[in-house]
């Protein structure tokens, strides 16, 4: 998967999303995705098309566990042959669920 494909997949869910932290306009929406890269791994044996394997954290905030949009995201990733381990935590202060996983994509960095 490339970063462009990742963004297109997230966009197809038709919910707010942001690269980096959620912006103030959408943080209170019922569902939101935000993502950022945290690991760059050079692909020294690769061709010139992509030179870096970049790992992103994909975070999904929702008011309910197993949100239909989270399940839709999971199924779309599975359809592409991607099977991330999705972790979940509940924040009692915000009364929201945070689901998150790592995903590797190819990029030129």
N, C-alpha and C. Protein backbone atom coordinates (compact mmCIF):
# COMPACT_ATOMS: atom_id res chain seq x y z
N UNK A 1 0.84 -1.17 0.00
CA UNK A 1 0.00 0.00 0.00
C UNK A 1 0.89 1.24 0.00
N UNK A 2 0.48 2.24 -0.72
CA UNK A 2 1.18 3.52 -0.74
C UNK A 2 0.43 4.52 0.16
N UNK A 3 1.07 5.64 0.44
CA UNK A 3 0.40 6.65 1.26
C UNK A 3 -0.84 7.18 0.56
N UNK A 4 -0.76 7.37 -0.75
CA UNK A 4 -1.92 7.85 -1.50
C UNK A 4 -3.08 6.87 -1.35
N UNK A 5 -2.80 5.59 -1.44
CA UNK A 5 -3.85 4.58 -1.28
C UNK A 5 -4.40 4.59 0.14
N UNK A 6 -3.53 4.80 1.13
CA UNK A 6 -3.98 4.89 2.51
C UNK A 6 -4.95 6.05 2.70
N UNK A 7 -4.58 7.22 2.20
CA UNK A 7 -5.44 8.40 2.35
C UNK A 7 -6.76 8.20 1.60
N UNK A 8 -6.70 7.61 0.41
CA UNK A 8 -7.94 7.34 -0.34
C UNK A 8 -8.84 6.38 0.42
N UNK A 9 -8.26 5.38 1.06
CA UNK A 9 -9.04 4.43 1.84
C UNK A 9 -9.71 5.12 3.02
N UNK A 10 -8.95 5.94 3.74
CA UNK A 10 -9.52 6.67 4.87
C UNK A 10 -10.61 7.62 4.39
N UNK A 11 -10.37 8.33 3.30
CA UNK A 11 -11.34 9.26 2.74
C UNK A 11 -12.65 8.55 2.38
N UNK A 12 -12.54 7.31 1.89
CA UNK A 12 -13.73 6.56 1.45
C UNK A 12 -14.69 6.26 2.59
N UNK A 13 -14.23 6.37 3.84
CA UNK A 13 -15.11 6.12 4.98
C UNK A 13 -16.08 7.26 5.22
N UNK A 14 -15.80 8.42 4.64
CA UNK A 14 -16.67 9.60 4.75
C UNK A 14 -16.90 10.03 6.20
N UNK A 15 -15.80 10.07 6.95
CA UNK A 15 -15.81 10.64 8.30
C UNK A 15 -14.61 11.57 8.40
N UNK A 16 -14.60 12.48 9.36
CA UNK A 16 -13.46 13.40 9.50
C UNK A 16 -12.16 12.64 9.74
N UNK A 17 -11.08 13.17 9.17
CA UNK A 17 -9.75 12.59 9.38
C UNK A 17 -8.72 13.69 9.30
N UNK A 18 -7.55 13.40 9.84
CA UNK A 18 -6.47 14.38 9.81
C UNK A 18 -5.14 13.65 9.93
N UNK A 19 -4.16 14.12 9.18
CA UNK A 19 -2.81 13.62 9.38
C UNK A 19 -2.20 14.43 10.50
N UNK A 20 -1.76 13.76 11.54
CA UNK A 20 -1.30 14.42 12.75
C UNK A 20 -2.41 14.33 13.78
N UNK A 21 -2.42 15.25 14.72
CA UNK A 21 -3.45 15.22 15.76
C UNK A 21 -4.77 15.75 15.19
N UNK A 22 -5.88 15.36 15.80
CA UNK A 22 -7.17 15.87 15.31
C UNK A 22 -7.25 17.38 15.50
N UNK A 23 -7.84 18.06 14.52
CA UNK A 23 -7.98 19.50 14.69
C UNK A 23 -9.21 19.80 15.56
N UNK A 24 -9.27 21.00 16.09
CA UNK A 24 -10.31 21.37 17.04
C UNK A 24 -11.71 21.31 16.45
N UNK A 25 -11.85 21.47 15.13
CA UNK A 25 -13.17 21.48 14.51
C UNK A 25 -13.85 20.12 14.55
N UNK A 26 -13.08 19.05 14.55
CA UNK A 26 -13.68 17.72 14.43
C UNK A 26 -13.46 16.82 15.65
N UNK A 27 -12.74 17.28 16.64
CA UNK A 27 -12.40 16.42 17.77
C UNK A 27 -13.65 15.92 18.50
N UNK A 28 -14.73 16.64 18.46
CA UNK A 28 -15.96 16.22 19.14
C UNK A 28 -16.91 15.45 18.24
N UNK A 29 -16.57 15.24 16.98
CA UNK A 29 -17.43 14.46 16.09
C UNK A 29 -17.56 13.04 16.62
N UNK A 30 -18.66 12.36 16.30
CA UNK A 30 -18.87 11.00 16.82
C UNK A 30 -17.75 10.03 16.45
N UNK A 31 -17.16 10.21 15.28
CA UNK A 31 -16.06 9.36 14.84
C UNK A 31 -15.03 10.21 14.12
N UNK A 32 -13.77 9.87 14.31
CA UNK A 32 -12.69 10.59 13.63
C UNK A 32 -11.49 9.66 13.51
N UNK A 33 -10.76 9.82 12.42
CA UNK A 33 -9.51 9.10 12.23
C UNK A 33 -8.39 10.14 12.18
N UNK A 34 -7.31 9.85 12.87
CA UNK A 34 -6.10 10.65 12.70
C UNK A 34 -4.92 9.70 12.64
N UNK A 35 -3.91 10.10 11.91
CA UNK A 35 -2.77 9.20 11.67
C UNK A 35 -1.50 10.00 11.52
N UNK A 36 -0.38 9.35 11.82
CA UNK A 36 0.94 9.97 11.68
C UNK A 36 1.97 8.88 11.51
N UNK A 37 3.09 9.26 10.91
CA UNK A 37 4.19 8.30 10.75
C UNK A 37 5.10 8.37 11.96
N UNK A 38 5.64 7.23 12.34
CA UNK A 38 6.56 7.20 13.46
C UNK A 38 7.80 6.35 13.23
N UNK A 39 7.91 5.70 12.08
CA UNK A 39 9.08 4.90 11.80
C UNK A 39 9.37 4.91 10.31
N UNK A 40 10.59 5.24 9.95
CA UNK A 40 11.04 5.17 8.56
C UNK A 40 12.09 4.07 8.46
N UNK A 41 11.90 3.18 7.53
CA UNK A 41 12.84 2.09 7.32
C UNK A 41 13.28 2.12 5.86
N UNK A 42 14.54 2.51 5.63
CA UNK A 42 15.05 2.60 4.26
C UNK A 42 15.03 1.25 3.57
N UNK A 43 14.63 1.26 2.32
CA UNK A 43 14.62 0.05 1.50
C UNK A 43 15.81 0.13 0.56
N UNK A 44 16.95 -0.31 1.02
CA UNK A 44 18.18 -0.14 0.25
C UNK A 44 18.25 -1.04 -0.97
N UNK A 45 17.53 -2.14 -0.96
CA UNK A 45 17.58 -3.06 -2.10
C UNK A 45 16.45 -2.81 -3.09
N UNK A 46 15.62 -1.82 -2.84
CA UNK A 46 14.48 -1.58 -3.71
C UNK A 46 14.90 -0.76 -4.93
N UNK A 47 14.01 -0.71 -5.88
CA UNK A 47 14.25 0.12 -7.05
C UNK A 47 14.03 1.58 -6.70
N UNK A 48 13.88 2.41 -7.71
CA UNK A 48 13.75 3.85 -7.49
C UNK A 48 12.31 4.29 -7.23
N UNK A 49 11.34 3.39 -7.43
CA UNK A 49 9.95 3.80 -7.28
C UNK A 49 9.63 4.19 -5.84
N UNK A 50 10.01 3.34 -4.88
CA UNK A 50 9.80 3.64 -3.46
C UNK A 50 11.10 3.33 -2.73
N UNK A 51 11.48 4.24 -1.82
CA UNK A 51 12.75 4.03 -1.14
C UNK A 51 12.61 3.87 0.36
N UNK A 52 11.39 3.96 0.89
CA UNK A 52 11.20 3.90 2.33
C UNK A 52 9.91 3.17 2.69
N UNK A 53 10.01 2.29 3.67
CA UNK A 53 8.83 1.67 4.26
C UNK A 53 8.50 2.53 5.49
N UNK A 54 7.34 3.18 5.48
CA UNK A 54 6.96 4.10 6.54
C UNK A 54 5.83 3.48 7.36
N UNK A 55 6.02 3.45 8.68
CA UNK A 55 5.00 2.90 9.56
C UNK A 55 4.17 4.04 10.13
N UNK A 56 2.86 3.92 9.99
CA UNK A 56 1.91 4.91 10.49
C UNK A 56 1.12 4.32 11.65
N UNK A 57 0.80 5.17 12.62
CA UNK A 57 -0.23 4.80 13.58
C UNK A 57 -1.53 5.36 13.04
N UNK A 58 -2.52 4.50 12.98
CA UNK A 58 -3.86 4.91 12.59
C UNK A 58 -4.70 4.88 13.86
N UNK A 59 -5.24 6.02 14.26
CA UNK A 59 -6.06 6.12 15.46
C UNK A 59 -7.49 6.43 15.07
N UNK A 60 -8.41 5.78 15.74
CA UNK A 60 -9.83 5.93 15.45
C UNK A 60 -10.54 6.21 16.77
N UNK A 61 -11.17 7.37 16.88
CA UNK A 61 -11.95 7.72 18.07
C UNK A 61 -13.43 7.56 17.76
N UNK A 62 -14.15 6.95 18.70
CA UNK A 62 -15.59 6.76 18.50
C UNK A 62 -16.30 6.78 19.83
N UNK A 63 -17.59 7.05 19.76
CA UNK A 63 -18.40 7.07 20.98
C UNK A 63 -18.82 5.68 21.42
N UNK A 64 -18.72 4.71 20.52
CA UNK A 64 -19.11 3.34 20.85
C UNK A 64 -17.98 2.37 20.46
N UNK A 65 -17.86 1.26 21.17
CA UNK A 65 -16.88 0.25 20.75
C UNK A 65 -17.39 -0.43 19.48
N UNK A 66 -16.51 -0.95 18.71
CA UNK A 66 -16.85 -1.64 17.46
C UNK A 66 -17.74 -0.77 16.57
N UNK A 67 -17.36 0.45 16.44
CA UNK A 67 -18.08 1.39 15.58
C UNK A 67 -18.24 0.79 14.18
N UNK A 68 -19.38 0.98 13.53
CA UNK A 68 -19.55 0.47 12.17
C UNK A 68 -18.48 0.99 11.20
N UNK A 69 -18.03 2.21 11.37
CA UNK A 69 -16.99 2.75 10.48
C UNK A 69 -15.63 2.10 10.76
N UNK A 70 -15.36 1.78 12.02
CA UNK A 70 -14.13 1.06 12.33
C UNK A 70 -14.17 -0.33 11.71
N UNK A 71 -15.31 -0.99 11.81
CA UNK A 71 -15.45 -2.30 11.19
C UNK A 71 -15.33 -2.21 9.67
N UNK A 72 -15.89 -1.15 9.09
CA UNK A 72 -15.76 -0.95 7.64
C UNK A 72 -14.28 -0.78 7.26
N UNK A 73 -13.54 0.01 8.04
CA UNK A 73 -12.12 0.19 7.79
C UNK A 73 -11.39 -1.15 7.87
N UNK A 74 -11.68 -1.92 8.91
CA UNK A 74 -11.04 -3.23 9.07
C UNK A 74 -11.32 -4.12 7.86
N UNK A 75 -12.56 -4.18 7.43
CA UNK A 75 -12.93 -5.05 6.30
C UNK A 75 -12.29 -4.58 4.99
N UNK A 76 -12.20 -3.27 4.80
CA UNK A 76 -11.54 -2.76 3.59
C UNK A 76 -10.06 -3.11 3.59
N UNK A 77 -9.41 -3.02 4.75
CA UNK A 77 -8.01 -3.41 4.84
C UNK A 77 -7.85 -4.91 4.58
N UNK A 78 -8.74 -5.71 5.18
CA UNK A 78 -8.70 -7.16 4.96
C UNK A 78 -8.87 -7.50 3.49
N UNK A 79 -9.77 -6.79 2.80
CA UNK A 79 -9.98 -7.02 1.36
C UNK A 79 -8.72 -6.75 0.55
N UNK A 80 -7.85 -5.88 1.07
CA UNK A 80 -6.58 -5.56 0.40
C UNK A 80 -5.46 -6.51 0.84
N UNK A 81 -5.79 -7.49 1.68
CA UNK A 81 -4.78 -8.42 2.17
C UNK A 81 -3.98 -7.89 3.34
N UNK A 82 -4.51 -6.87 4.03
CA UNK A 82 -3.85 -6.28 5.19
C UNK A 82 -4.63 -6.64 6.44
N UNK A 83 -3.94 -7.16 7.45
CA UNK A 83 -4.59 -7.66 8.65
C UNK A 83 -3.91 -7.12 9.91
N UNK A 84 -4.08 -5.82 10.17
CA UNK A 84 -3.41 -5.24 11.34
C UNK A 84 -4.02 -5.73 12.65
N UNK A 85 -3.21 -5.76 13.69
CA UNK A 85 -3.71 -6.03 15.04
C UNK A 85 -4.25 -4.71 15.59
N UNK A 86 -5.53 -4.67 15.86
CA UNK A 86 -6.18 -3.44 16.31
C UNK A 86 -6.34 -3.50 17.83
N UNK A 87 -5.82 -2.49 18.50
CA UNK A 87 -5.91 -2.40 19.95
C UNK A 87 -7.00 -1.39 20.32
N UNK A 88 -7.57 -1.55 21.51
CA UNK A 88 -8.66 -0.67 21.95
C UNK A 88 -8.41 -0.24 23.39
N UNK A 89 -8.82 0.99 23.67
CA UNK A 89 -8.79 1.48 25.05
C UNK A 89 -9.96 2.43 25.23
N UNK A 90 -10.44 2.51 26.44
CA UNK A 90 -11.55 3.40 26.77
C UNK A 90 -11.03 4.53 27.62
N UNK A 91 -11.43 5.76 27.27
CA UNK A 91 -11.03 6.93 28.05
C UNK A 91 -12.24 7.38 28.87
N UNK A 92 -12.25 7.14 30.18
CA UNK A 92 -13.41 7.51 30.99
C UNK A 92 -13.66 9.02 31.05
N UNK A 93 -12.61 9.83 30.89
CA UNK A 93 -12.79 11.29 30.94
C UNK A 93 -13.61 11.79 29.75
N UNK A 94 -13.31 11.26 28.56
CA UNK A 94 -14.04 11.70 27.37
C UNK A 94 -15.20 10.77 27.03
N UNK A 95 -15.23 9.61 27.69
CA UNK A 95 -16.23 8.58 27.42
C UNK A 95 -16.23 8.16 25.95
N UNK A 96 -15.00 8.02 25.44
CA UNK A 96 -14.83 7.62 24.04
C UNK A 96 -13.87 6.45 23.96
N UNK A 97 -13.99 5.71 22.87
CA UNK A 97 -13.12 4.58 22.58
C UNK A 97 -12.03 5.00 21.62
N UNK A 98 -10.82 4.58 21.91
CA UNK A 98 -9.68 4.82 21.03
C UNK A 98 -9.21 3.46 20.54
N UNK A 99 -9.34 3.24 19.24
CA UNK A 99 -8.83 2.03 18.60
C UNK A 99 -7.65 2.46 17.75
N UNK A 100 -6.60 1.65 17.72
CA UNK A 100 -5.40 2.06 16.99
C UNK A 100 -4.62 0.85 16.51
N UNK A 101 -3.87 1.08 15.43
CA UNK A 101 -3.03 0.03 14.87
C UNK A 101 -1.94 0.64 14.03
N UNK A 102 -0.91 -0.16 13.76
CA UNK A 102 0.20 0.25 12.91
C UNK A 102 -0.04 -0.28 11.50
N UNK A 103 0.38 0.49 10.52
CA UNK A 103 0.25 0.08 9.13
C UNK A 103 1.48 0.57 8.37
N UNK A 104 2.11 -0.33 7.62
CA UNK A 104 3.28 0.03 6.84
C UNK A 104 2.87 0.40 5.42
N UNK A 105 3.42 1.51 4.92
CA UNK A 105 3.15 1.95 3.56
C UNK A 105 4.48 2.29 2.88
N UNK A 106 4.46 2.25 1.57
CA UNK A 106 5.64 2.58 0.78
C UNK A 106 5.61 4.04 0.39
N UNK A 107 6.75 4.72 0.56
CA UNK A 107 6.85 6.13 0.23
C UNK A 107 8.26 6.43 -0.26
N UNK A 108 8.39 7.59 -0.89
CA UNK A 108 9.70 8.17 -1.18
C UNK A 108 9.92 9.27 -0.15
N UNK A 109 10.84 9.04 0.74
CA UNK A 109 11.14 10.02 1.79
C UNK A 109 12.47 10.67 1.47
